Amino acid sequence: MTATDTTARLAGAASTPRRLRRLARIAGVLYLAIFLIYPLSTAVRGSLFVPGDAAATAEGIRADETLFRLGMAGEASIFLIEIAVAAVLYVLFRPVSRAGSLAAALARVAEGVVMAAGNVFTSIATLVALSGAGFLAAFSAGQAEALGQFFQEANGSIVLVWGLFFALSLTLTGWLAFRSGFLPKIVGILLGLAGLGYFAQSFGVLIFPELAGPLEIVVIVLAIPGELLFALWLLIKGVDTEAWMRKAEQVQP
């Protein structure tokens, strides 16, 4: 396939200014949806989870199971949105580097898959454990509650796993944005810092679990400015369509 053919294929996907602006807005809306839904979902879980007290946690979940299930639905929607974001960003950044854009998209999809397998599974497992149905009838009430508590506490560590994939995706996206020419370099720098923050949290807590609290603050400080600016820029300003077209004419491997 010649460079002209490759450019033509990219043009068919997203070359017109209108399509580019639409893609950028879609990415911005999806990113802001994550900003809204994820904190609400984790807040629901946090409101029902009592650290070190399995009985209290079980009582809270049983008393408001609908709220717990709404939190599950919120977490499920996040990984679906992440996959959509990965696809849109892949199209937007492909002119910068096909390999880099693909790697960033795959890392983001992997993050969503791990989040789904971890967060949603542990929530379902918690409800099953607390139901006492089937073979769980052989467990005492205290044992079933302890099992539910175990799943909820395990959920808190899953962020360290999907956080690694997310860190890689953010770092690569920051690099792509910095090199793009159709987004401000500051956006790329801040996204790169956000990626470093997630790397620091995941590796830091794995090695030094006692630093979990401070490292969570590090992530908040480093991640929110870059991701929020990225989302708002895509939604409000979009991309420089002329610069995108020039880049598409020189597609790099």
Protein backbone atom coordinates (compact mmCIF):
# COMPACT_ATOMS: atom_id res chain seq x y z
CA MET A 1 0.00 0.00 0.00
CA THR A 2 1.39 3.38 -1.02
CA ALA A 3 1.52 6.46 1.18
CA THR A 4 -1.22 7.95 -0.99
CA ASP A 5 -3.46 4.94 -0.37
CA THR A 6 -2.85 5.15 3.37
CA THR A 7 -3.68 8.84 3.39
CA ALA A 8 -6.85 8.17 1.43
CA ARG A 9 -7.98 5.58 3.95
CA LEU A 10 -7.38 8.01 6.81
CA ALA A 11 -9.27 10.68 4.91
CA GLY A 12 -12.23 8.37 4.55
CA ALA A 13 -12.24 7.81 8.32
CA ALA A 14 -11.78 11.29 9.66
CA SER A 15 -10.22 13.81 7.31
CA THR A 16 -12.95 16.38 6.76
CA PRO A 17 -13.00 19.21 9.27
CA ARG A 18 -16.57 18.39 10.24
CA ARG A 19 -15.77 14.75 10.96
CA LEU A 20 -12.66 15.66 12.88
CA ARG A 21 -14.57 18.12 15.05
CA ARG A 22 -17.25 15.50 15.63
CA LEU A 23 -14.70 12.88 16.65
CA ALA A 24 -12.99 15.32 19.00
CA ARG A 25 -16.29 16.26 20.64
CA ILE A 26 -17.26 12.61 21.00
CA ALA A 27 -13.94 11.91 22.72
CA GLY A 28 -14.42 14.93 25.01
CA VAL A 29 -17.97 13.94 25.97
CA LEU A 30 -16.94 10.34 26.68
CA TYR A 31 -13.97 11.49 28.75
CA LEU A 32 -16.16 13.83 30.81
CA ALA A 33 -18.65 11.00 31.30
CA ILE A 34 -15.88 8.97 32.89
CA PHE A 35 -15.03 11.92 35.13
CA LEU A 36 -18.62 12.01 36.37
CA ILE A 37 -19.55 8.32 36.54
CA TYR A 38 -16.40 6.83 38.04
CA PRO A 39 -16.29 9.00 41.19
CA LEU A 40 -20.01 8.41 41.77
CA SER A 41 -19.61 4.64 41.40
CA THR A 42 -16.66 4.48 43.77
CA ALA A 43 -18.47 6.76 46.23
CA VAL A 44 -21.38 4.31 46.29
CA ARG A 45 -19.04 1.45 47.07
CA GLY A 46 -17.23 3.49 49.69
CA SER A 47 -20.48 4.49 51.41
CA LEU A 48 -21.43 0.84 51.96
CA PHE A 49 -17.98 -0.55 52.76
CA VAL A 50 -16.78 -0.46 56.38
CA PRO A 51 -13.07 -1.33 56.62
CA GLY A 52 -12.35 -4.10 59.12
CA ASP A 53 -16.02 -4.74 59.90
CA ALA A 54 -17.52 -7.49 57.73
CA ALA A 55 -20.84 -7.48 59.59
CA ALA A 56 -21.34 -3.74 59.13
CA THR A 57 -20.43 -3.94 55.44
CA ALA A 58 -22.87 -6.82 54.92
CA GLU A 59 -25.61 -4.96 56.77
CA GLY A 60 -25.09 -1.84 54.65
CA ILE A 61 -25.19 -3.77 51.36
CA ARG A 62 -28.26 -5.78 52.36
CA ALA A 63 -30.05 -2.64 53.52
CA ASP A 64 -29.48 -0.85 50.21
CA GLU A 65 -28.77 -3.50 47.62
CA THR A 66 -30.26 -1.36 44.87
CA LEU A 67 -27.71 1.37 45.53
CA PHE A 68 -24.95 -1.24 45.48
CA ARG A 69 -26.21 -2.55 42.14
CA LEU A 70 -26.35 0.98 40.73
CA GLY A 71 -22.69 1.31 41.65
CA MET A 72 -22.02 -1.93 39.77
CA ALA A 73 -23.85 -0.57 36.72
CA GLY A 74 -21.76 2.58 36.88
CA GLU A 75 -18.54 0.59 36.95
CA ALA A 76 -19.75 -1.57 34.06
CA SER A 77 -20.50 1.53 31.99
CA ILE A 78 -16.98 2.84 32.60
CA PHE A 79 -15.20 0.00 30.85
CA LEU A 80 -17.63 0.22 27.93
CA ILE A 81 -16.91 3.93 27.60
CA GLU A 82 -13.16 3.28 27.84
CA ILE A 83 -13.31 0.99 24.81
CA ALA A 84 -15.19 3.65 22.83
CA VAL A 85 -12.64 6.29 23.89
CA ALA A 86 -9.81 3.99 22.78
CA ALA A 87 -11.33 3.65 19.31
CA VAL A 88 -11.92 7.38 18.83
CA LEU A 89 -8.47 8.40 20.07
CA TYR A 90 -6.89 5.77 17.83
CA VAL A 91 -8.44 7.46 14.78
CA LEU A 92 -7.46 10.95 15.96
CA PHE A 93 -3.83 10.11 16.72
CA ARG A 94 -3.11 7.59 13.96
CA PRO A 95 -1.56 10.27 11.70
CA VAL A 96 1.04 10.95 14.40
CA SER A 97 2.15 7.33 14.74
CA ARG A 98 0.22 4.22 13.78
CA ALA A 99 2.19 2.02 16.17
CA GLY A 100 1.97 4.48 19.06
CA SER A 101 -1.74 5.10 18.55
CA LEU A 102 -2.45 1.37 18.38
CA ALA A 103 -0.41 0.70 21.53
CA ALA A 104 -2.27 3.45 23.42
CA ALA A 105 -5.63 2.06 22.28
CA LEU A 106 -4.74 -1.53 23.20
CA ALA A 107 -3.53 -0.41 26.64
CA ARG A 108 -6.81 1.42 27.21
CA VAL A 109 -8.86 -1.59 26.12
CA ALA A 110 -6.78 -3.81 28.44
CA GLU A 111 -7.52 -1.38 31.27
CA GLY A 112 -11.24 -1.68 30.59
CA VAL A 113 -11.12 -5.47 30.47
CA VAL A 114 -9.22 -5.73 33.76
CA MET A 115 -11.58 -3.22 35.35
CA ALA A 116 -14.56 -5.27 34.20
CA ALA A 117 -13.12 -8.59 35.29
CA GLY A 118 -12.02 -7.17 38.63
CA ASN A 119 -14.42 -4.50 39.83
CA VAL A 120 -17.67 -5.95 38.50
CA PHE A 121 -16.73 -9.55 39.32
CA THR A 122 -15.90 -8.76 42.94
CA SER A 123 -19.20 -6.91 43.33
CA ILE A 124 -21.16 -9.85 41.94
CA ALA A 125 -19.16 -12.25 44.10
CA THR A 126 -19.96 -10.12 47.16
CA LEU A 127 -23.69 -10.33 46.50
CA VAL A 128 -23.47 -14.08 45.93
CA ALA A 129 -21.54 -14.54 49.17
CA LEU A 130 -24.04 -12.51 51.18
CA SER A 131 -27.03 -14.27 49.64
CA GLY A 132 -26.15 -17.56 51.35
CA ALA A 133 -27.73 -19.40 48.43
CA GLY A 134 -26.76 -22.87 47.19
CA PHE A 135 -23.60 -24.36 48.60
CA LEU A 136 -23.00 -21.16 50.59
CA ALA A 137 -25.72 -22.36 52.96
CA ALA A 138 -22.97 -24.52 54.48
CA PHE A 139 -21.26 -21.32 55.65
CA SER A 140 -22.22 -19.59 58.85
CA ALA A 141 -23.51 -16.01 58.63
CA GLY A 142 -20.18 -14.72 59.91
CA GLN A 143 -18.23 -16.74 57.35
CA ALA A 144 -20.39 -15.52 54.47
CA GLU A 145 -19.97 -11.93 55.63
CA ALA A 146 -16.20 -12.41 55.91
CA LEU A 147 -16.14 -13.74 52.36
CA GLY A 148 -18.09 -10.71 51.13
CA GLN A 149 -15.66 -8.43 52.97
CA PHE A 150 -12.74 -10.22 51.34
CA PHE A 151 -14.11 -9.54 47.86
CA GLN A 152 -14.69 -5.88 48.67
CA GLU A 153 -11.19 -5.44 50.06
CA ALA A 154 -9.71 -7.25 47.04
CA ASN A 155 -11.56 -4.80 44.82
CA GLY A 156 -9.55 -1.98 46.33
CA SER A 157 -6.32 -3.56 45.07
CA ILE A 158 -7.52 -4.13 41.52
CA VAL A 159 -6.91 -0.45 40.73
CA LEU A 160 -3.20 -1.25 40.96
CA VAL A 161 -3.56 -3.68 38.06
CA TRP A 162 -5.72 -1.71 35.66
CA GLY A 163 -3.84 1.40 36.75
CA LEU A 164 -0.71 0.05 35.03
CA PHE A 165 -2.52 -0.29 31.71
CA PHE A 166 -4.10 3.13 32.17
CA ALA A 167 -0.71 4.64 32.98
CA LEU A 168 0.74 3.23 29.77
CA SER A 169 -2.21 4.52 27.74
CA LEU A 170 -1.98 8.02 29.24
CA THR A 171 1.79 8.19 28.76
CA LEU A 172 1.53 7.16 25.11
CA THR A 173 -1.40 9.51 24.51
CA GLY A 174 0.60 12.34 26.06
CA TRP A 175 3.51 11.56 23.75
CA LEU A 176 1.18 11.49 20.73
CA ALA A 177 -0.47 14.77 21.73
CA PHE A 178 2.91 16.43 22.26
CA ARG A 179 4.11 15.36 18.81
CA SER A 180 0.83 15.91 17.02
CA GLY A 181 0.97 19.57 16.11
CA PHE A 182 -2.84 19.68 16.20
CA LEU A 183 -3.09 19.83 20.00
CA PRO A 184 -1.19 22.13 22.41
CA LYS A 185 2.04 20.64 23.71
CA ILE A 186 0.97 21.43 27.28
CA VAL A 187 -1.84 18.89 26.90
CA GLY A 188 0.71 16.23 26.00
CA ILE A 189 2.97 17.18 28.90
CA LEU A 190 0.16 17.05 31.45
CA LEU A 191 -1.13 13.72 30.12
CA GLY A 192 2.38 12.33 30.39
CA LEU A 193 2.57 13.49 34.01
CA ALA A 194 -0.81 11.86 34.67
CA GLY A 195 0.57 8.59 33.30
CA LEU A 196 3.61 8.87 35.56
CA GLY A 197 1.28 9.41 38.51
CA TYR A 198 -0.57 6.16 37.84
CA PHE A 199 2.71 4.31 37.35
CA ALA A 200 3.93 5.70 40.68
CA GLN A 201 0.76 4.60 42.45
CA SER A 202 0.64 1.06 41.07
CA PHE A 203 4.32 0.23 41.44
CA GLY A 204 4.65 2.25 44.65
CA VAL A 205 1.82 0.49 46.49
CA LEU A 206 2.94 -2.92 45.22
CA ILE A 207 6.38 -2.32 46.74
CA PHE A 208 5.48 -0.06 49.67
CA PRO A 209 1.82 -0.69 50.61
CA GLU A 210 2.09 1.65 53.58
CA LEU A 211 2.36 4.57 51.11
CA ALA A 212 -1.06 3.91 49.56
CA GLY A 213 -2.57 7.09 51.04
CA PRO A 214 0.11 9.56 49.92
CA LEU A 215 0.38 7.94 46.48
CA GLU A 216 -3.37 8.30 45.96
CA ILE A 217 -2.95 12.03 46.53
CA VAL A 218 -0.08 12.06 44.02
CA VAL A 219 -2.38 10.52 41.40
CA ILE A 220 -5.12 13.07 42.06
CA VAL A 221 -2.70 16.00 41.80
CA LEU A 222 -1.02 14.73 38.62
CA ALA A 223 -3.94 13.13 36.80
CA ILE A 224 -6.87 15.52 37.12
CA PRO A 225 -5.28 18.61 35.47
CA GLY A 226 -4.06 16.71 32.41
CA GLU A 227 -7.11 14.54 31.83
CA LEU A 228 -9.59 17.35 32.49
CA LEU A 229 -7.75 19.79 30.20
CA PHE A 230 -7.58 17.10 27.51
CA ALA A 231 -11.29 16.37 27.73
CA LEU A 232 -12.33 20.04 27.75
CA TRP A 233 -9.97 20.94 24.91
CA LEU A 234 -11.37 18.17 22.72
CA LEU A 235 -14.93 19.15 23.58
CA ILE A 236 -14.58 22.91 23.20
CA LYS A 237 -11.64 23.56 20.87
CA GLY A 238 -11.26 20.23 19.10
CA VAL A 239 -8.18 19.65 16.95
CA ASP A 240 -6.46 21.89 14.43
CA THR A 241 -7.93 20.27 11.32
CA GLU A 242 -5.37 21.76 8.92
CA ALA A 243 -2.50 20.50 11.05
CA TRP A 244 -4.20 17.08 11.27
CA MET A 245 -4.46 16.93 7.46
CA ARG A 246 -0.82 17.86 7.02
CA LYS A 247 0.13 15.15 9.48
CA ALA A 248 -2.05 12.61 7.68
CA GLU A 249 -0.09 13.23 4.50
CA GLN A 250 3.07 12.10 6.27
CA VAL A 251 1.77 9.03 8.12
CA GLN A 252 4.53 7.49 10.19
CA PRO A 253 4.86 3.82 11.13
